[in-house]
PDB file of N, CA and C in Angstrom:
ATOM      1  N   MET A   1      24.056  83.371 128.593  1.00  0.00           N
ATOM      2  CA  MET A   1      25.522  83.114 128.082  1.00  0.00           C
ATOM      3  C   MET A   1      25.303  82.827 126.504  1.00  0.00           C
ATOM      4  N   ASP A   2      25.698  83.275 125.436  1.00  0.00           N
ATOM      5  CA  ASP A   2      25.105  82.732 124.147  1.00  0.00           C
ATOM      6  C   ASP A   2      26.575  81.951 123.686  1.00  0.00           C
ATOM      7  N   LEU A   3      26.634  81.336 122.918  1.00  0.00           N
ATOM      8  CA  LEU A   3      27.117  80.353 122.246  1.00  0.00           C
ATOM      9  C   LEU A   3      28.449  80.848 121.984  1.00  0.00           C
ATOM     10  N   LEU A   4      28.429  81.770 121.253  1.00  0.00           N
ATOM     11  CA  LEU A   4      29.728  82.606 121.002  1.00  0.00           C
ATOM     12  C   LEU A   4      30.552  82.978 122.386  1.00  0.00           C
ATOM     13  N   GLN A   5      29.773  83.849 123.302  1.00  0.00           N
ATOM     14  CA  GLN A   5      30.250  83.670 124.516  1.00  0.00           C
ATOM     15  C   GLN A   5      30.968  82.605 125.156  1.00  0.00           C
ATOM     16  N   GLN A   6      30.427  81.860 124.867  1.00  0.00           N
ATOM     17  CA  GLN A   6      30.973  80.307 126.069  1.00  0.00           C
ATOM     18  C   GLN A   6      32.091  80.043 125.523  1.00  0.00           C
ATOM     19  N   ALA A   7      31.964  79.583 124.025  1.00  0.00           N
ATOM     20  CA  ALA A   7      33.292  79.310 123.439  1.00  0.00           C
ATOM     21  C   ALA A   7      34.578  80.499 123.414  1.00  0.00           C
ATOM     22  N   ARG A   8      34.184  81.819 123.911  1.00  0.00           N
ATOM     23  CA  ARG A   8      35.445  82.547 124.039  1.00  0.00           C
ATOM     24  C   ARG A   8      35.832  82.609 125.699  1.00  0.00           C
ATOM     25  N   THR A   9      34.884  81.956 126.091  1.00  0.00           N
ATOM     26  CA  THR A   9      35.622  81.614 127.852  1.00  0.00           C
ATOM     27  C   THR A   9      36.453  80.762 127.569  1.00  0.00           C
ATOM     28  N   ILE A  10      36.131  79.326 127.322  1.00  0.00           N
ATOM     29  CA  ILE A  10      36.673  78.448 127.085  1.00  0.00           C
ATOM     30  C   ILE A  10      38.229  78.505 126.217  1.00  0.00           C
ATOM     31  N   ILE A  11      38.005  79.320 125.069  1.00  0.00           N
ATOM     32  CA  ILE A  11      39.352  79.256 124.459  1.00  0.00           C
ATOM     33  C   ILE A  11      40.302  80.032 125.137  1.00  0.00           C
ATOM     34  N   ASN A  12      39.594  81.228 125.971  1.00  0.00           N
ATOM     35  CA  ASN A  12      40.812  81.937 127.170  1.00  0.00           C
ATOM     36  C   ASN A  12      41.163  81.066 128.077  1.00  0.00           C
ATOM     37  N   GLN A  13      40.107  79.907 129.022  1.00  0.00           N
ATOM     38  CA  GLN A  13      40.816  79.234 129.501  1.00  0.00           C
ATOM     39  C   GLN A  13      42.036  78.349 129.486  1.00  0.00           C
ATOM     40  N   VAL A  14      41.927  77.668 128.169  1.00  0.00           N
ATOM     41  CA  VAL A  14      42.667  76.922 127.582  1.00  0.00           C
ATOM     42  C   VAL A  14      44.041  77.435 126.852  1.00  0.00           C
ATOM     43  N   GLY A  15      43.679  78.589 126.587  1.00  0.00           N
ATOM     44  CA  GLY A  15      44.793  78.986 126.299  1.00  0.00           C
ATOM     45  C   GLY A  15      45.977  79.826 127.232  1.00  0.00           C
ATOM     46  N   ALA A  16      45.175  80.382 128.297  1.00  0.00           N
ATOM     47  CA  ALA A  16      46.309  80.799 129.801  1.00  0.00           C
ATOM     48  C   ALA A  16      46.542  79.804 130.192  1.00  0.00           C
ATOM     49  N   GLN A  17      45.860  78.080 130.560  1.00  0.00           N
ATOM     50  CA  GLN A  17      46.442  77.075 130.524  1.00  0.00           C
ATOM     51  C   GLN A  17      47.663  76.594 129.961  1.00  0.00           C
ATOM     52  N   MET A  18      47.563  76.547 128.782  1.00  0.00           N
ATOM     53  CA  MET A  18      48.358  76.428 127.785  1.00  0.00           C
ATOM     54  C   MET A  18      49.977  76.985 127.581  1.00  0.00           C
ATOM     55  N   ALA A  19      49.221  78.307 127.710  1.00  0.00           N
ATOM     56  CA  ALA A  19      50.495  79.570 127.791  1.00  0.00           C
ATOM     57  C   ALA A  19      51.321  79.110 129.468  1.00  0.00           C
ATOM     58  N   GLU A  20      50.497  79.253 130.446  1.00  0.00           N
ATOM     59  CA  GLU A  20      51.319  79.027 131.661  1.00  0.00           C
ATOM     60  C   GLU A  20      51.990  77.823 132.085  1.00  0.00           C
ATOM     61  N   LEU A  21      51.463  76.664 131.195  1.00  0.00           N
ATOM     62  CA  LEU A  21      52.481  75.304 131.288  1.00  0.00           C
ATOM     63  C   LEU A  21      53.565  75.274 130.604  1.00  0.00           C
ATOM     64  N   PHE A  22      53.407  75.898 129.499  1.00  0.00           N
ATOM     65  CA  PHE A  22      54.812  76.323 128.834  1.00  0.00           C
ATOM     66  C   PHE A  22      55.659  77.130 129.238  1.00  0.00           C
ATOM     67  N   LEU A  23      55.241  78.097 129.750  1.00  0.00           N
ATOM     68  CA  LEU A  23      56.239  78.916 130.441  1.00  0.00           C
ATOM     69  C   LEU A  23      56.547  78.329 131.692  1.00  0.00           C
ATOM     70  N   LYS A  24      56.152  77.429 132.696  1.00  0.00           N
ATOM     71  CA  LYS A  24      56.341  76.663 133.557  1.00  0.00           C
ATOM     72  C   LYS A  24      57.857  75.612 133.578  1.00  0.00           C
ATOM     73  N   THR A  25      57.600  74.962 132.147  1.00  0.00           N
ATOM     74  CA  THR A  25      58.203  73.970 131.696  1.00  0.00           C
ATOM     75  C   THR A  25      59.055  74.187 130.757  1.00  0.00           C
ATOM     76  N   GLY A  26      58.414  75.242 129.375  1.00  0.00           N
ATOM     77  CA  GLY A  26      59.578  75.320 128.687  1.00  0.00           C
ATOM     78  C   GLY A  26      59.344  74.323 127.597  1.00  0.00           C
ATOM     79  N   VAL A  27      58.381  73.177 127.655  1.00  0.00           N
ATOM     80  CA  VAL A  27      58.334  72.303 127.109  1.00  0.00           C
ATOM     81  C   VAL A  27      56.668  72.408 126.175  1.00  0.00           C
ATOM     82  N   THR A  28      56.845  72.294 124.922  1.00  0.00           N
ATOM     83  CA  THR A  28      55.559  72.146 124.702  1.00  0.00           C
ATOM     84  C   THR A  28      54.966  70.545 123.941  1.00  0.00           C
ATOM     85  N   ASN A  29      55.648  70.350 123.946  1.00  0.00           N
ATOM     86  CA  ASN A  29      55.433  68.698 123.113  1.00  0.00           C
ATOM     87  C   ASN A  29      54.856  68.838 121.747  1.00  0.00           C
ATOM     88  N   GLY A  30      54.910  69.464 121.254  1.00  0.00           N
ATOM     89  CA  GLY A  30      53.915  69.844 119.832  1.00  0.00           C
ATOM     90  C   GLY A  30      54.725  69.572 118.877  1.00  0.00           C
ATOM     91  N   ALA A  31      55.517  69.144 118.837  1.00  0.00           N
ATOM     92  CA  ALA A  31      56.145  69.044 117.492  1.00  0.00           C
ATOM     93  C   ALA A  31      56.334  67.558 116.925  1.00  0.00           C
ATOM     94  N   PRO A  32      57.047  67.479 115.816  1.00  0.00           N
ATOM     95  CA  PRO A  32      57.590  66.052 115.412  1.00  0.00           C
ATOM     96  C   PRO A  32      57.690  64.962 116.471  1.00  0.00           C
ATOM     97  N   GLY A  33      57.515  63.804 116.073  1.00  0.00           N
ATOM     98  CA  GLY A  33      57.776  62.730 117.080  1.00  0.00           C
ATOM     99  C   GLY A  33      59.526  62.688 117.083  1.00  0.00           C
ATOM    100  N   GLU A  34      60.138  63.017 116.146  1.00  0.00           N
ATOM    101  CA  GLU A  34      61.407  62.562 116.657  1.00  0.00           C
ATOM    102  C   GLU A  34      62.282  63.600 118.017  1.00  0.00           C
ATOM    103  N   VAL A  35      61.517  64.590 118.097  1.00  0.00           N
ATOM    104  CA  VAL A  35      61.882  65.629 119.403  1.00  0.00           C
ATOM    105  C   VAL A  35      60.767  65.579 120.214  1.00  0.00           C
ATOM    106  N   LEU A  36      60.669  64.491 120.702  1.00  0.00           N
ATOM    107  CA  LEU A  36      59.785  63.884 122.108  1.00  0.00           C
ATOM    108  C   LEU A  36      60.318  64.898 123.456  1.00  0.00           C
ATOM    109  N   CYS A  37      59.469  65.445 124.303  1.00  0.00           N
ATOM    110  CA  CYS A  37      59.931  66.242 125.437  1.00  0.00           C
ATOM    111  C   CYS A  37      61.323  67.172 124.932  1.00  0.00           C
ATOM    112  N   ALA A  38      61.387  67.838 124.487  1.00  0.00           N
ATOM    113  CA  ALA A  38      62.497  68.811 123.996  1.00  0.00           C
ATOM    114  C   ALA A  38      61.695  70.047 123.737  1.00  0.00           C
ATOM    115  N   PRO A  39      62.483  71.154 124.192  1.00  0.00           N
ATOM    116  CA  PRO A  39      61.689  72.574 123.586  1.00  0.00           C
ATOM    117  C   PRO A  39      62.089  72.524 122.047  1.00  0.00           C
ATOM    118  N   ASP A  40      61.013  73.031 121.322  1.00  0.00           N
ATOM    119  CA  ASP A  40      61.238  73.352 119.746  1.00  0.00           C
ATOM    120  C   ASP A  40      60.613  74.366 119.622  1.00  0.00           C
ATOM    121  N   SER A  41      60.978  75.190 117.987  1.00  0.00           N
ATOM    122  CA  SER A  41      60.366  76.330 117.997  1.00  0.00           C
ATOM    123  C   SER A  41      59.135  75.989 117.311  1.00  0.00           C
ATOM    124  N   GLU A  42      58.976  75.282 116.805  1.00  0.00           N
ATOM    125  CA  GLU A  42      57.618  74.925 115.844  1.00  0.00           C
ATOM    126  C   GLU A  42      56.456  75.060 116.449  1.00  0.00           C
ATOM    127  N   SER A  43      56.173  74.448 117.883  1.00  0.00           N
ATOM    128  CA  SER A  43      55.379  74.390 118.438  1.00  0.00           C
ATOM    129  C   SER A  43      55.264  75.787 119.319  1.00  0.00           C
ATOM    130  N   ALA A  44      56.303  76.374 119.789  1.00  0.00           N
ATOM    131  CA  ALA A  44      56.335  77.548 120.578  1.00  0.00           C
ATOM    132  C   ALA A  44      55.766  78.399 119.782  1.00  0.00           C
ATOM    133  N   PHE A  45      56.194  78.353 118.220  1.00  0.00           N
ATOM    134  CA  PHE A  45      56.046  79.452 117.242  1.00  0.00           C
ATOM    135  C   PHE A  45      54.087  79.664 117.411  1.00  0.00           C
ATOM    136  N   ALA A  46      53.722  78.493 117.349  1.00  0.00           N
ATOM    137  CA  ALA A  46      52.055  78.043 117.363  1.00  0.00           C
ATOM    138  C   ALA A  46      51.232  78.560 118.657  1.00  0.00           C
ATOM    139  N   LEU A  47      51.677  78.510 119.404  1.00  0.00           N
ATOM    140  CA  LEU A  47      51.411  78.937 120.719  1.00  0.00           C
ATOM    141  C   LEU A  47      51.319  80.795 120.897  1.00  0.00           C
ATOM    142  N   LEU A  48      52.619  80.839 120.665  1.00  0.00           N
ATOM    143  CA  LEU A  48      53.020  82.430 120.125  1.00  0.00           C
ATOM    144  C   LEU A  48      52.010  83.035 119.514  1.00  0.00           C
ATOM    145  N   GLU A  49      51.727  82.342 118.172  1.00  0.00           N
ATOM    146  CA  GLU A  49      50.578  83.169 117.199  1.00  0.00           C
ATOM    147  C   GLU A  49      49.091  82.974 117.409  1.00  0.00           C
ATOM    148  N   SER A  50      48.867  81.406 118.735  1.00  0.00           N
ATOM    149  CA  SER A  50      47.807  81.817 119.281  1.00  0.00           C
ATOM    150  C   SER A  50      47.623  82.687 120.361  1.00  0.00           C
ATOM    151  N   CYS A  51      48.207  83.296 120.893  1.00  0.00           N
ATOM    152  CA  CYS A  51      48.385  84.279 121.832  1.00  0.00           C
ATOM    153  C   CYS A  51      48.264  85.821 121.332  1.00  0.00           C
ATOM    154  N   VAL A  52      48.669  86.142 120.271  1.00  0.00           N
ATOM    155  CA  VAL A  52      48.476  87.117 119.433  1.00  0.00           C
ATOM    156  C   VAL A  52      47.203  87.322 118.623  1.00  0.00           C
ATOM    157  N   VAL A  53      46.981  86.029 118.430  1.00  0.00           N
ATOM    158  CA  VAL A  53      45.295  86.232 118.181  1.00  0.00           C
ATOM    159  C   VAL A  53      44.533  86.076 119.137  1.00  0.00           C
ATOM    160  N   LEU A  54      44.600  85.617 120.484  1.00  0.00           N
ATOM    161  CA  LEU A  54      43.961  85.960 121.144  1.00  0.00           C
ATOM    162  C   LEU A  54      43.506  87.447 121.923  1.00  0.00           C
ATOM    163  N   TYR A  55      44.732  88.171 121.788  1.00  0.00           N
ATOM    164  CA  TYR A  55      44.968  89.292 122.191  1.00  0.00           C
ATOM    165  C   TYR A  55      43.951  90.371 121.144  1.00  0.00           C
ATOM    166  N   GLU A  56      44.165  89.663 119.900  1.00  0.00           N
ATOM    167  CA  GLU A  56      43.637  90.394 118.823  1.00  0.00           C
ATOM    168  C   GLU A  56      41.983  90.661 118.875  1.00  0.00           C
ATOM    169  N   GLU A  57      41.579  89.660 119.799  1.00  0.00           N
ATOM    170  CA  GLU A  57      40.130  89.359 119.778  1.00  0.00           C
ATOM    171  C   GLU A  57      39.946  90.147 121.086  1.00  0.00           C
ATOM    172  N   ASP A  58      40.680  89.992 122.361  1.00  0.00           N
ATOM    173  CA  ASP A  58      39.809  90.647 123.507  1.00  0.00           C
ATOM    174  C   ASP A  58      40.538  91.860 123.980  1.00  0.00           C
ATOM    175  N   LYS A  59      41.885  91.878 123.689  1.00  0.00           N
ATOM    176  CA  LYS A  59      42.724  93.084 123.854  1.00  0.00           C
ATOM    177  C   LYS A  59      43.350  93.077 125.307  1.00  0.00           C
ATOM    178  N   ASN A  60      43.038  91.840 125.872  1.00  0.00           N
ATOM    179  CA  ASN A  60      43.861  91.485 127.457  1.00  0.00           C
ATOM    180  C   ASN A  60      45.356  91.519 127.079  1.00  0.00           C
ATOM    181  N   PRO A  61      45.914  92.523 127.889  1.00  0.00           N
ATOM    182  CA  PRO A  61      47.251  92.752 127.789  1.00  0.00           C
ATOM    183  C   PRO A  61      48.200  91.117 128.258  1.00  0.00           C
ATOM    184  N   LYS A  62      47.828  90.425 128.832  1.00  0.00           N
ATOM    185  CA  LYS A  62      48.113  89.311 129.403  1.00  0.00           C
ATOM    186  C   LYS A  62      48.446  88.159 128.284  1.00  0.00           C
ATOM    187  N   TRP A  63      48.105  88.235 127.165  1.00  0.00           N
ATOM    188  CA  TRP A  63      48.224  87.254 125.853  1.00  0.00           C
ATOM    189  C   TRP A  63      49.647  87.946 125.455  1.00  0.00           C
ATOM    190  N   LEU A  64      49.935  88.968 125.647  1.00  0.00           N
ATOM    191  CA  LEU A  64      51.224  89.907 124.715  1.00  0.00           C
ATOM    192  C   LEU A  64      52.151  89.782 125.734  1.00  0.00           C
ATOM    193  N   SER A  65      51.800  89.466 127.421  1.00  0.00           N
ATOM    194  CA  SER A  65      52.959  88.978 127.813  1.00  0.00           C
ATOM    195  C   SER A  65      53.561  87.621 127.373  1.00  0.00           C
ATOM    196  N   TYR A  66      52.273  86.906 127.499  1.00  0.00           N
ATOM    197  CA  TYR A  66      52.702  85.212 126.966  1.00  0.00           C
ATOM    198  C   TYR A  66      53.609  85.128 125.865  1.00  0.00           C
ATOM    199  N   ALA A  67      53.091  85.604 124.289  1.00  0.00           N
ATOM    200  CA  ALA A  67      53.539  85.781 123.085  1.00  0.00           C
ATOM    201  C   ALA A  67      54.855  86.467 123.014  1.00  0.00           C
ATOM    202  N   LYS A  68      55.184  87.654 124.029  1.00  0.00           N
ATOM    203  CA  LYS A  68      56.759  87.888 124.289  1.00  0.00           C
ATOM    204  C   LYS A  68      57.481  87.201 124.842  1.00  0.00           C
ATOM    205  N   THR A  69      57.211  86.465 125.882  1.00  0.00           N
ATOM    206  CA  THR A  69      58.157  85.267 126.876  1.00  0.00           C
ATOM    207  C   THR A  69      58.337  84.379 125.495  1.00  0.00           C
ATOM    208  N   MET A  70      57.436  83.505 124.914  1.00  0.00           N
ATOM    209  CA  MET A  70      57.454  82.784 123.818  1.00  0.00           C
ATOM    210  C   MET A  70      58.421  83.097 122.927  1.00  0.00           C
ATOM    211  N   ALA A  71      58.283  83.971 122.103  1.00  0.00           N
ATOM    212  CA  ALA A  71      59.197  84.903 121.095  1.00  0.00           C
ATOM    213  C   ALA A  71      60.609  84.563 121.402  1.00  0.00           C
ATOM    214  N   HIS A  72      61.180  83.900 122.631  1.00  0.00           N
ATOM    215  CA  HIS A  72      62.674  83.756 122.955  1.00  0.00           C
ATOM    216  C   HIS A  72      62.999  82.472 122.606  1.00  0.00           C
ATOM    217  N   TYR A  73      61.760  81.284 122.626  1.00  0.00           N
ATOM    218  CA  TYR A  73      61.970  80.272 122.141  1.00  0.00           C
ATOM    219  C   TYR A  73      62.356  80.074 120.839  1.00  0.00           C
TER     220      TYR A  73
END
C-alpha cells in the first residue's frame, strides 16, 4: 500500500469515528471555549464540510448521510 492510500485509509477511519461520535452525542466540542460541551454550529459545520470533501474523494454514500444529518445542527 502506498503512502497516499495509507493516508486515505486513516482519514476515512478518523472521519467515520468523528461523525459517528457526533451523531451519538450531538456534541463536537470543537468551538470557542465559552461554549464548552454545548452543541454548536461552528464545529458541526466543519464536520459537515469534512464529510462532503470525503464524499467527493471516494464517492461513498455514508459521507452524504453523515453530512445530511449534521446539516440539521
